[in-house]
Amino acid sequence: MDEYLQVVTTTATREDAQKIADALVEKRVAGCVQILGPIVSTFWWQGKIERTEEWLCIIKSEGRFYSRLEQSIKELHSYETPEIIAVPIVAGSRQYLRWLSDELRPQ
């Protein structure tokens, strides 16, 4: 079985989230991107606590596409330091994971 990943990032607007989702799916480095929000994020930034409304992107991919996926997010993202975190999918429906692999394409 391939190494499957779930990657998350957050954006300032729904439009930014959709722009990233569309690009990742179009480039075939993500099989699916779910957008949730708005959510509230609380975090340290430049020496003070910030609280802001954001949109969460949950991205499904494979490890072999991570570098291209990360680079695409960075190119499109409006944040100076965007959250980009990948976690392995340790189990899942074989049918879904097969579909995911079929939708991803090497460059």
PDB file of N, CA and C in Angstrom:
ATOM      1  N   MET A   1       0.847  -1.183   0.000  1.00  0.00           N
ATOM      2  CA  MET A   1       0.000   0.000   0.000  1.00  0.00           C
ATOM      3  C   MET A   1       0.892   1.245   0.000  1.00  0.00           C
ATOM      4  N   ASP A   2       0.519   2.247  -0.769  1.00  0.00           N
ATOM      5  CA  ASP A   2       1.246   3.511  -0.805  1.00  0.00           C
ATOM      6  C   ASP A   2       1.110   4.222   0.535  1.00  0.00           C
ATOM      7  N   GLU A   3       2.012   5.187   0.769  1.00  0.00           N
ATOM      8  CA  GLU A   3       1.913   6.025   1.953  1.00  0.00           C
ATOM      9  C   GLU A   3       0.897   7.123   1.670  1.00  0.00           C
ATOM     10  N   TYR A   4      -0.238   7.037   2.312  1.00  0.00           N
ATOM     11  CA  TYR A   4      -1.280   8.047   2.135  1.00  0.00           C
ATOM     12  C   TYR A   4      -1.129   9.109   3.208  1.00  0.00           C
ATOM     13  N   LEU A   5      -1.446  10.352   2.847  1.00  0.00           N
ATOM     14  CA  LEU A   5      -1.315  11.472   3.761  1.00  0.00           C
ATOM     15  C   LEU A   5      -2.597  12.275   3.826  1.00  0.00           C
ATOM     16  N   GLN A   6      -2.813  12.869   4.978  1.00  0.00           N
ATOM     17  CA  GLN A   6      -3.806  13.923   5.132  1.00  0.00           C
ATOM     18  C   GLN A   6      -3.009  15.170   5.507  1.00  0.00           C
ATOM     19  N   VAL A   7      -3.139  16.198   4.694  1.00  0.00           N
ATOM     20  CA  VAL A   7      -2.389  17.440   4.881  1.00  0.00           C
ATOM     21  C   VAL A   7      -3.392  18.529   5.232  1.00  0.00           C
ATOM     22  N   VAL A   8      -3.035  19.382   6.183  1.00  0.00           N
ATOM     23  CA  VAL A   8      -3.924  20.492   6.542  1.00  0.00           C
ATOM     24  C   VAL A   8      -3.203  21.820   6.361  1.00  0.00           C
ATOM     25  N   THR A   9      -3.982  22.816   5.994  1.00  0.00           N
ATOM     26  CA  THR A   9      -3.543  24.193   5.964  1.00  0.00           C
ATOM     27  C   THR A   9      -4.745  25.061   6.303  1.00  0.00           C
ATOM     28  N   THR A  10      -4.479  26.272   6.746  1.00  0.00           N
ATOM     29  CA  THR A  10      -5.559  27.218   7.021  1.00  0.00           C
ATOM     30  C   THR A  10      -5.338  28.465   6.177  1.00  0.00           C
ATOM     31  N   THR A  11      -6.429  29.152   5.869  1.00  0.00           N
ATOM     32  CA  THR A  11      -6.365  30.369   5.066  1.00  0.00           C
ATOM     33  C   THR A  11      -7.195  31.461   5.727  1.00  0.00           C
ATOM     34  N   ALA A  12      -6.957  32.687   5.301  1.00  0.00           N
ATOM     35  CA  ALA A  12      -7.675  33.834   5.861  1.00  0.00           C
ATOM     36  C   ALA A  12      -9.095  33.951   5.331  1.00  0.00           C
ATOM     37  N   THR A  13      -9.330  33.467   4.106  1.00  0.00           N
ATOM     38  CA  THR A  13     -10.662  33.598   3.503  1.00  0.00           C
ATOM     39  C   THR A  13     -11.084  32.298   2.840  1.00  0.00           C
ATOM     40  N   ARG A  14     -12.387  32.177   2.652  1.00  0.00           N
ATOM     41  CA  ARG A  14     -12.916  31.011   1.939  1.00  0.00           C
ATOM     42  C   ARG A  14     -12.410  31.007   0.498  1.00  0.00           C
ATOM     43  N   GLU A  15     -12.311  32.187  -0.097  1.00  0.00           N
ATOM     44  CA  GLU A  15     -11.846  32.297  -1.476  1.00  0.00           C
ATOM     45  C   GLU A  15     -10.408  31.791  -1.610  1.00  0.00           C
ATOM     46  N   ASP A  16      -9.551  32.129  -0.642  1.00  0.00           N
ATOM     47  CA  ASP A  16      -8.177  31.623  -0.661  1.00  0.00           C
ATOM     48  C   ASP A  16      -8.156  30.104  -0.525  1.00  0.00           C
ATOM     49  N   ALA A  17      -8.983  29.583   0.356  1.00  0.00           N
ATOM     50  CA  ALA A  17      -9.060  28.130   0.543  1.00  0.00           C
ATOM     51  C   ALA A  17      -9.499  27.452  -0.745  1.00  0.00           C
ATOM     52  N   GLN A  18     -10.499  28.018  -1.415  1.00  0.00           N
ATOM     53  CA  GLN A  18     -10.994  27.417  -2.647  1.00  0.00           C
ATOM     54  C   GLN A  18      -9.955  27.496  -3.761  1.00  0.00           C
ATOM     55  N   LYS A  19      -9.212  28.602  -3.816  1.00  0.00           N
ATOM     56  CA  LYS A  19      -8.156  28.757  -4.819  1.00  0.00           C
ATOM     57  C   LYS A  19      -7.092  27.668  -4.645  1.00  0.00           C
ATOM     58  N   ILE A  20      -6.697  27.425  -3.411  1.00  0.00           N
ATOM     59  CA  ILE A  20      -5.701  26.384  -3.133  1.00  0.00           C
ATOM     60  C   ILE A  20      -6.275  25.011  -3.450  1.00  0.00           C
ATOM     61  N   ALA A  21      -7.500  24.751  -3.027  1.00  0.00           N
ATOM     62  CA  ALA A  21      -8.132  23.452  -3.287  1.00  0.00           C
ATOM     63  C   ALA A  21      -8.208  23.183  -4.780  1.00  0.00           C
ATOM     64  N   ASP A  22      -8.682  24.155  -5.536  1.00  0.00           N
ATOM     65  CA  ASP A  22      -8.813  23.979  -6.985  1.00  0.00           C
ATOM     66  C   ASP A  22      -7.466  23.681  -7.628  1.00  0.00           C
ATOM     67  N   ALA A  23      -6.431  24.424  -7.229  1.00  0.00           N
ATOM     68  CA  ALA A  23      -5.105  24.235  -7.822  1.00  0.00           C
ATOM     69  C   ALA A  23      -4.540  22.851  -7.506  1.00  0.00           C
ATOM     70  N   LEU A  24      -4.673  22.404  -6.267  1.00  0.00           N
ATOM     71  CA  LEU A  24      -4.116  21.111  -5.877  1.00  0.00           C
ATOM     72  C   LEU A  24      -4.804  19.956  -6.596  1.00  0.00           C
ATOM     73  N   VAL A  25      -6.123  20.053  -6.717  1.00  0.00           N
ATOM     74  CA  VAL A  25      -6.866  18.990  -7.413  1.00  0.00           C
ATOM     75  C   VAL A  25      -6.564  19.048  -8.912  1.00  0.00           C
ATOM     76  N   GLU A  26      -6.508  20.248  -9.479  1.00  0.00           N
ATOM     77  CA  GLU A  26      -6.219  20.386 -10.901  1.00  0.00           C
ATOM     78  C   GLU A  26      -4.827  19.851 -11.243  1.00  0.00           C
ATOM     79  N   LYS A  27      -3.845  20.105 -10.363  1.00  0.00           N
ATOM     80  CA  LYS A  27      -2.483  19.607 -10.580  1.00  0.00           C
ATOM     81  C   LYS A  27      -2.372  18.109 -10.302  1.00  0.00           C
ATOM     82  N   ARG A  28      -3.423  17.518  -9.762  1.00  0.00           N
ATOM     83  CA  ARG A  28      -3.498  16.085  -9.438  1.00  0.00           C
ATOM     84  C   ARG A  28      -2.503  15.673  -8.358  1.00  0.00           C
ATOM     85  N   VAL A  29      -2.181  16.617  -7.453  1.00  0.00           N
ATOM     86  CA  VAL A  29      -1.372  16.270  -6.284  1.00  0.00           C
ATOM     87  C   VAL A  29      -2.258  16.036  -5.064  1.00  0.00           C
ATOM     88  N   ALA A  30      -3.556  16.309  -5.218  1.00  0.00           N
ATOM     89  CA  ALA A  30      -4.562  16.004  -4.197  1.00  0.00           C
ATOM     90  C   ALA A  30      -5.755  15.378  -4.900  1.00  0.00           C
ATOM     91  N   GLY A  31      -6.285  14.332  -4.290  1.00  0.00           N
ATOM     92  CA  GLY A  31      -7.480  13.711  -4.836  1.00  0.00           C
ATOM     93  C   GLY A  31      -8.741  14.390  -4.354  1.00  0.00           C
ATOM     94  N   CYS A  32      -8.653  15.010  -3.177  1.00  0.00           N
ATOM     95  CA  CYS A  32      -9.808  15.652  -2.565  1.00  0.00           C
ATOM     96  C   CYS A  32      -9.313  16.697  -1.579  1.00  0.00           C
ATOM     97  N   VAL A  33      -9.998  17.830  -1.551  1.00  0.00           N
ATOM     98  CA  VAL A  33      -9.733  18.855  -0.535  1.00  0.00           C
ATOM     99  C   VAL A  33     -11.072  19.256   0.051  1.00  0.00           C
ATOM    100  N   GLN A  34     -11.197  19.115   1.346  1.00  0.00           N
ATOM    101  CA  GLN A  34     -12.403  19.547   2.045  1.00  0.00           C
ATOM    102  C   GLN A  34     -12.113  20.868   2.725  1.00  0.00           C
ATOM    103  N   ILE A  35     -13.063  21.795   2.637  1.00  0.00           N
ATOM    104  CA  ILE A  35     -12.908  23.118   3.235  1.00  0.00           C
ATOM    105  C   ILE A  35     -13.931  23.259   4.352  1.00  0.00           C
ATOM    106  N   LEU A  36     -13.441  23.569   5.547  1.00  0.00           N
ATOM    107  CA  LEU A  36     -14.296  23.737   6.714  1.00  0.00           C
ATOM    108  C   LEU A  36     -14.132  25.147   7.256  1.00  0.00           C
ATOM    109  N   GLY A  37     -15.207  25.708   7.725  1.00  0.00           N
ATOM    110  CA  GLY A  37     -15.061  27.011   8.354  1.00  0.00           C
ATOM    111  C   GLY A  37     -16.328  27.823   8.298  1.00  0.00           C
ATOM    112  N   PRO A  38     -16.226  28.957   8.882  1.00  0.00           N
ATOM    113  CA  PRO A  38     -15.013  29.473   9.508  1.00  0.00           C
ATOM    114  C   PRO A  38     -14.726  28.790  10.840  1.00  0.00           C
ATOM    115  N   ILE A  39     -13.443  28.765  11.168  1.00  0.00           N
ATOM    116  CA  ILE A  39     -12.975  28.285  12.464  1.00  0.00           C
ATOM    117  C   ILE A  39     -12.258  29.450  13.144  1.00  0.00           C
ATOM    118  N   VAL A  40     -12.016  29.344  14.437  1.00  0.00           N
ATOM    119  CA  VAL A  40     -11.260  30.370  15.152  1.00  0.00           C
ATOM    120  C   VAL A  40      -9.927  29.761  15.565  1.00  0.00           C
ATOM    121  N   SER A  41      -8.846  30.425  15.197  1.00  0.00           N
ATOM    122  CA  SER A  41      -7.503  29.985  15.572  1.00  0.00           C
ATOM    123  C   SER A  41      -6.908  30.988  16.553  1.00  0.00           C
ATOM    124  N   THR A  42      -6.264  30.460  17.589  1.00  0.00           N
ATOM    125  CA  THR A  42      -5.565  31.285  18.576  1.00  0.00           C
ATOM    126  C   THR A  42      -4.121  30.825  18.583  1.00  0.00           C
ATOM    127  N   PHE A  43      -3.177  31.767  18.442  1.00  0.00           N
ATOM    128  CA  PHE A  43      -1.781  31.387  18.272  1.00  0.00           C
ATOM    129  C   PHE A  43      -0.858  32.568  18.602  1.00  0.00           C
ATOM    130  N   TRP A  44       0.415  32.232  18.835  1.00  0.00           N
ATOM    131  CA  TRP A  44       1.440  33.264  19.015  1.00  0.00           C
ATOM    132  C   TRP A  44       1.904  33.705  17.642  1.00  0.00           C
ATOM    133  N   TRP A  45       2.019  35.028  17.424  1.00  0.00           N
ATOM    134  CA  TRP A  45       2.597  35.557  16.191  1.00  0.00           C
ATOM    135  C   TRP A  45       3.299  36.863  16.509  1.00  0.00           C
ATOM    136  N   GLN A  46       4.576  36.901  16.209  1.00  0.00           N
ATOM    137  CA  GLN A  46       5.418  38.078  16.399  1.00  0.00           C
ATOM    138  C   GLN A  46       5.303  38.643  17.817  1.00  0.00           C
ATOM    139  N   GLY A  47       5.398  37.733  18.796  1.00  0.00           N
ATOM    140  CA  GLY A  47       5.472  38.124  20.188  1.00  0.00           C
ATOM    141  C   GLY A  47       4.162  38.387  20.901  1.00  0.00           C
ATOM    142  N   LYS A  48       3.040  38.174  20.223  1.00  0.00           N
ATOM    143  CA  LYS A  48       1.763  38.379  20.916  1.00  0.00           C
ATOM    144  C   LYS A  48       0.750  37.319  20.488  1.00  0.00           C
ATOM    145  N   ILE A  49      -0.240  37.147  21.341  1.00  0.00           N
ATOM    146  CA  ILE A  49      -1.291  36.174  21.040  1.00  0.00           C
ATOM    147  C   ILE A  49      -2.275  36.799  20.055  1.00  0.00           C
ATOM    148  N   GLU A  50      -2.553  36.062  18.998  1.00  0.00           N
ATOM    149  CA  GLU A  50      -3.504  36.480  17.965  1.00  0.00           C
ATOM    150  C   GLU A  50      -4.705  35.542  17.991  1.00  0.00           C
ATOM    151  N   ARG A  51      -5.834  36.046  17.603  1.00  0.00           N
ATOM    152  CA  ARG A  51      -7.044  35.236  17.433  1.00  0.00           C
ATOM    153  C   ARG A  51      -7.675  35.692  16.122  1.00  0.00           C
ATOM    154  N   THR A  52      -7.910  34.748  15.242  1.00  0.00           N
ATOM    155  CA  THR A  52      -8.452  35.115  13.937  1.00  0.00           C
ATOM    156  C   THR A  52      -9.373  34.031  13.383  1.00  0.00           C
ATOM    157  N   GLU A  53     -10.268  34.452  12.528  1.00  0.00           N
ATOM    158  CA  GLU A  53     -11.157  33.532  11.830  1.00  0.00           C
ATOM    159  C   GLU A  53     -10.415  33.007  10.601  1.00  0.00           C
ATOM    160  N   GLU A  54     -10.452  31.700  10.408  1.00  0.00           N
ATOM    161  CA  GLU A  54      -9.758  31.072   9.286  1.00  0.00           C
ATOM    162  C   GLU A  54     -10.635  29.982   8.681  1.00  0.00           C
ATOM    163  N   TRP A  55     -10.156  29.477   7.557  1.00  0.00           N
ATOM    164  CA  TRP A  55     -10.780  28.356   6.853  1.00  0.00           C
ATOM    165  C   TRP A  55      -9.772  27.224   6.807  1.00  0.00           C
ATOM    166  N   LEU A  56     -10.227  26.020   7.133  1.00  0.00           N
ATOM    167  CA  LEU A  56      -9.367  24.842   7.227  1.00  0.00           C
ATOM    168  C   LEU A  56      -9.513  23.987   5.969  1.00  0.00           C
ATOM    169  N   CYS A  57      -8.385  23.678   5.351  1.00  0.00           N
ATOM    170  CA  CYS A  57      -8.361  22.773   4.197  1.00  0.00           C
ATOM    171  C   CYS A  57      -7.808  21.431   4.654  1.00  0.00           C
ATOM    172  N   ILE A  58      -8.552  20.377   4.396  1.00  0.00           N
ATOM    173  CA  ILE A  58      -8.109  19.004   4.678  1.00  0.00           C
ATOM    174  C   ILE A  58      -7.863  18.356   3.326  1.00  0.00           C
ATOM    175  N   ILE A  59      -6.614  18.005   3.075  1.00  0.00           N
ATOM    176  CA  ILE A  59      -6.147  17.584   1.756  1.00  0.00           C
ATOM    177  C   ILE A  59      -5.755  16.106   1.812  1.00  0.00           C
ATOM    178  N   LYS A  60      -6.261  15.308   0.858  1.00  0.00           N
ATOM    179  CA  LYS A  60      -5.899  13.890   0.790  1.00  0.00           C
ATOM    180  C   LYS A  60      -4.936  13.670  -0.355  1.00  0.00           C
ATOM    181  N   SER A  61      -3.810  12.985  -0.060  1.00  0.00           N
ATOM    182  CA  SER A  61      -2.792  12.767  -1.074  1.00  0.00           C
ATOM    183  C   SER A  61      -1.955  11.546  -0.708  1.00  0.00           C
ATOM    184  N   GLU A  62      -0.821  11.412  -1.388  1.00  0.00           N
ATOM    185  CA  GLU A  62       0.152  10.366  -1.097  1.00  0.00           C
ATOM    186  C   GLU A  62       1.497  11.025  -0.810  1.00  0.00           C
ATOM    187  N   GLY A  63       2.334  10.326  -0.062  1.00  0.00           N
ATOM    188  CA  GLY A  63       3.634  10.854   0.301  1.00  0.00           C
ATOM    189  C   GLY A  63       4.480  11.256  -0.893  1.00  0.00           C
ATOM    190  N   ARG A  64       4.384  10.539  -1.988  1.00  0.00           N
ATOM    191  CA  ARG A  64       5.208  10.845  -3.157  1.00  0.00           C
ATOM    192  C   ARG A  64       4.864  12.197  -3.784  1.00  0.00           C
ATOM    193  N   PHE A  65       3.720  12.783  -3.429  1.00  0.00           N
ATOM    194  CA  PHE A  65       3.310  14.076  -3.966  1.00  0.00           C
ATOM    195  C   PHE A  65       3.502  15.217  -2.970  1.00  0.00           C
ATOM    196  N   TYR A  66       4.009  14.902  -1.774  1.00  0.00           N
ATOM    197  CA  TYR A  66       4.047  15.928  -0.733  1.00  0.00           C
ATOM    198  C   TYR A  66       4.858  17.159  -1.142  1.00  0.00           C
ATOM    199  N   SER A  67       6.037  16.984  -1.697  1.00  0.00           N
ATOM    200  CA  SER A  67       6.884  18.135  -2.037  1.00  0.00           C
ATOM    201  C   SER A  67       6.176  19.070  -3.009  1.00  0.00           C
ATOM    202  N   ARG A  68       5.561  18.527  -4.039  1.00  0.00           N
ATOM    203  CA  ARG A  68       4.838  19.356  -5.014  1.00  0.00           C
ATOM    204  C   ARG A  68       3.637  20.021  -4.363  1.00  0.00           C
ATOM    205  N   LEU A  69       2.953  19.293  -3.503  1.00  0.00           N
ATOM    206  CA  LEU A  69       1.787  19.828  -2.814  1.00  0.00           C
ATOM    207  C   LEU A  69       2.195  20.999  -1.911  1.00  0.00           C
ATOM    208  N   GLU A  70       3.237  20.808  -1.118  1.00  0.00           N
ATOM    209  CA  GLU A  70       3.708  21.864  -0.225  1.00  0.00           C
ATOM    210  C   GLU A  70       4.126  23.097  -1.028  1.00  0.00           C
ATOM    211  N   GLN A  71       4.885  22.892  -2.089  1.00  0.00           N
ATOM    212  CA  GLN A  71       5.339  24.014  -2.911  1.00  0.00           C
ATOM    213  C   GLN A  71       4.151  24.767  -3.512  1.00  0.00           C
ATOM    214  N   SER A  72       3.152  24.053  -3.977  1.00  0.00           N
ATOM    215  CA  SER A  72       1.959  24.690  -4.551  1.00  0.00           C
ATOM    216  C   SER A  72       1.229  25.526  -3.509  1.00  0.00           C
ATOM    217  N   ILE A  73       1.091  24.995  -2.300  1.00  0.00           N
ATOM    218  CA  ILE A  73       0.428  25.761  -1.239  1.00  0.00           C
ATOM    219  C   ILE A  73       1.212  27.042  -0.960  1.00  0.00           C
ATOM    220  N   LYS A  74       2.525  26.939  -0.822  1.00  0.00           N
ATOM    221  CA  LYS A  74       3.353  28.115  -0.525  1.00  0.00           C
ATOM    222  C   LYS A  74       3.247  29.171  -1.622  1.00  0.00           C
ATOM    223  N   GLU A  75       3.198  28.746  -2.878  1.00  0.00           N
ATOM    224  CA  GLU A  75       3.101  29.681  -3.993  1.00  0.00           C
ATOM    225  C   GLU A  75       1.776  30.442  -3.986  1.00  0.00           C
ATOM    226  N   LEU A  76       0.714  29.790  -3.537  1.00  0.00           N
ATOM    227  CA  LEU A  76      -0.626  30.371  -3.598  1.00  0.00           C
ATOM    228  C   LEU A  76      -1.051  31.066  -2.308  1.00  0.00           C
ATOM    229  N   HIS A  77      -0.394  30.760  -1.222  1.00  0.00           N
ATOM    230  CA  HIS A  77      -0.856  31.192   0.098  1.00  0.00           C
ATOM    231  C   HIS A  77      -0.537  32.655   0.367  1.00  0.00           C
ATOM    232  N   SER A  78      -1.434  33.329   1.067  1.00  0.00           N
ATOM    233  CA  SER A  78      -1.224  34.740   1.397  1.00  0.00           C
ATOM    234  C   SER A  78      -0.439  34.931   2.698  1.00  0.00           C
ATOM    235  N   TYR A  79      -0.293  33.882   3.507  1.00  0.00           N
ATOM    236  CA  TYR A  79       0.413  34.004   4.775  1.00  0.00           C
ATOM    237  C   TYR A  79       1.924  33.945   4.579  1.00  0.00           C
ATOM    238  N   GLU A  80       2.647  34.689   5.419  1.00  0.00           N
ATOM    239  CA  GLU A  80       4.109  34.645   5.419  1.00  0.00           C
ATOM    240  C   GLU A  80       4.609  33.249   5.809  1.00  0.00           C
ATOM    241  N   THR A  81       3.957  32.649   6.812  1.00  0.00           N
ATOM    242  CA  THR A  81       4.324  31.314   7.289  1.00  0.00           C
ATOM    243  C   THR A  81       3.050  30.479   7.397  1.00  0.00           C
ATOM    244  N   PRO A  82       2.604  29.889   6.300  1.00  0.00           N
ATOM    245  CA  PRO A  82       1.367  29.112   6.360  1.00  0.00           C
ATOM    246  C   PRO A  82       1.548  27.795   7.115  1.00  0.00           C
ATOM    247  N   GLU A  83       0.491  27.403   7.783  1.00  0.00           N
ATOM    248  CA  GLU A  83       0.470  26.071   8.393  1.00  0.00           C
ATOM    249  C   GLU A  83       0.380  25.053   7.263  1.00  0.00           C
ATOM    250  N   ILE A  84       1.319  24.119   7.246  1.00  0.00           N
ATOM    251  CA  ILE A  84       1.262  22.983   6.318  1.00  0.00           C
ATOM    252  C   ILE A  84       1.744  21.789   7.127  1.00  0.00           C
ATOM    253  N   ILE A  85       0.827  20.928   7.499  1.00  0.00           N
ATOM    254  CA  ILE A  85       1.140  19.779   8.339  1.00  0.00           C
ATOM    255  C   ILE A  85       0.590  18.523   7.666  1.00  0.00           C
ATOM    256  N   ALA A  86       1.432  17.503   7.582  1.00  0.00           N
ATOM    257  CA  ALA A  86       1.010  16.236   6.995  1.00  0.00           C
ATOM    258  C   ALA A  86       1.053  15.142   8.054  1.00  0.00           C
ATOM    259  N   VAL A  87       0.016  14.332   8.078  1.00  0.00           N
ATOM    260  CA  VAL A  87      -0.013  13.170   8.966  1.00  0.00           C
ATOM    261  C   VAL A  87      -0.335  11.942   8.124  1.00  0.00           C
ATOM    262  N   PRO A  88       0.266  10.814   8.469  1.00  0.00           N
ATOM    263  CA  PRO A  88      -0.001   9.607   7.697  1.00  0.00           C
ATOM    264  C   PRO A  88      -1.419   9.089   7.951  1.00  0.00           C
ATOM    265  N   ILE A  89      -1.996   8.558   6.923  1.00  0.00           N
ATOM    266  CA  ILE A  89      -3.266   7.828   7.053  1.00  0.00           C
ATOM    267  C   ILE A  89      -2.872   6.379   7.300  1.00  0.00           C
ATOM    268  N   VAL A  90      -3.085   5.900   8.499  1.00  0.00           N
ATOM    269  CA  VAL A  90      -2.608   4.560   8.858  1.00  0.00           C
ATOM    270  C   VAL A  90      -3.592   3.458   8.477  1.00  0.00           C
ATOM    271  N   ALA A  91      -4.825   3.822   8.245  1.00  0.00           N
ATOM    272  CA  ALA A  91      -5.821   2.843   7.817  1.00  0.00           C
ATOM    273  C   ALA A  91      -6.942   3.592   7.117  1.00  0.00           C
ATOM    274  N   GLY A  92      -7.623   2.893   6.249  1.00  0.00           N
ATOM    275  CA  GLY A  92      -8.744   3.496   5.547  1.00  0.00           C
ATOM    276  C   GLY A  92      -9.397   2.476   4.632  1.00  0.00           C
ATOM    277  N   SER A  93     -10.541   2.824   4.137  1.00  0.00           N
ATOM    278  CA  SER A  93     -11.259   1.968   3.199  1.00  0.00           C
ATOM    279  C   SER A  93     -10.391   1.708   1.966  1.00  0.00           C
ATOM    280  N   ARG A  94     -10.147   0.462   1.648  1.00  0.00           N
ATOM    281  CA  ARG A  94      -9.333   0.125   0.473  1.00  0.00           C
ATOM    282  C   ARG A  94      -9.933   0.729  -0.796  1.00  0.00           C
ATOM    283  N   GLN A  95     -11.247   0.708  -0.888  1.00  0.00           N
ATOM    284  CA  GLN A  95     -11.908   1.251  -2.074  1.00  0.00           C
ATOM    285  C   GLN A  95     -11.632   2.753  -2.190  1.00  0.00           C
ATOM    286  N   TYR A  96     -11.736   3.482  -1.084  1.00  0.00           N
ATOM    287  CA  TYR A  96     -11.470   4.915  -1.102  1.00  0.00           C
ATOM    288  C   TYR A  96     -10.006   5.189  -1.427  1.00  0.00           C
ATOM    289  N   LEU A  97      -9.080   4.478  -0.797  1.00  0.00           N
ATOM    290  CA  LEU A  97      -7.658   4.699  -1.031  1.00  0.00           C
ATOM    291  C   LEU A  97      -7.268   4.338  -2.465  1.00  0.00           C
ATOM    292  N   ARG A  98      -7.888   3.322  -3.029  1.00  0.00           N
ATOM    293  CA  ARG A  98      -7.648   2.978  -4.436  1.00  0.00           C
ATOM    294  C   ARG A  98      -8.117   4.122  -5.328  1.00  0.00           C
ATOM    295  N   TRP A  99      -9.316   4.658  -5.030  1.00  0.00           N
ATOM    296  CA  TRP A  99      -9.828   5.801  -5.788  1.00  0.00           C
ATOM    297  C   TRP A  99      -8.855   6.973  -5.692  1.00  0.00           C
ATOM    298  N   LEU A 100      -8.362   7.247  -4.489  1.00  0.00           N
ATOM    299  CA  LEU A 100      -7.437   8.353  -4.270  1.00  0.00           C
ATOM    300  C   LEU A 100      -6.187   8.172  -5.144  1.00  0.00           C
ATOM    301  N   SER A 101      -5.592   6.993  -5.109  1.00  0.00           N
ATOM    302  CA  SER A 101      -4.398   6.723  -5.928  1.00  0.00           C
ATOM    303  C   SER A 101      -4.680   6.920  -7.414  1.00  0.00           C
ATOM    304  N   ASP A 102      -5.842   6.479  -7.849  1.00  0.00           N
ATOM    305  CA  ASP A 102      -6.204   6.602  -9.263  1.00  0.00           C
ATOM    306  C   ASP A 102      -6.344   8.049  -9.712  1.00  0.00           C
ATOM    307  N   GLU A 103      -6.671   8.961  -8.782  1.00  0.00           N
ATOM    308  CA  GLU A 103      -6.874  10.368  -9.143  1.00  0.00           C
ATOM    309  C   GLU A 103      -5.598  11.195  -9.105  1.00  0.00           C
ATOM    310  N   LEU A 104      -4.535  10.671  -8.511  1.00  0.00           N
ATOM    311  CA  LEU A 104      -3.272  11.389  -8.398  1.00  0.00           C
ATOM    312  C   LEU A 104      -2.391  11.017  -9.595  1.00  0.00           C
ATOM    313  N   ARG A 105      -1.612  11.987 -10.061  1.00  0.00           N
ATOM    314  CA  ARG A 105      -0.777  11.747 -11.241  1.00  0.00           C
ATOM    315  C   ARG A 105       0.634  12.284 -11.011  1.00  0.00           C
ATOM    316  N   PRO A 106       1.641  11.451 -11.318  1.00  0.00           N
ATOM    317  CA  PRO A 106       3.005  11.963 -11.274  1.00  0.00           C
ATOM    318  C   PRO A 106       3.211  12.979 -12.397  1.00  0.00           C
ATOM    319  N   GLN A 107       4.105  13.911 -12.162  1.00  0.00           N
ATOM    320  CA  GLN A 107       4.341  14.952 -13.168  1.00  0.00           C
ATOM    321  C   GLN A 107       5.250  14.441 -14.256  1.00  0.00           C
TER     322      GLN A 107
END
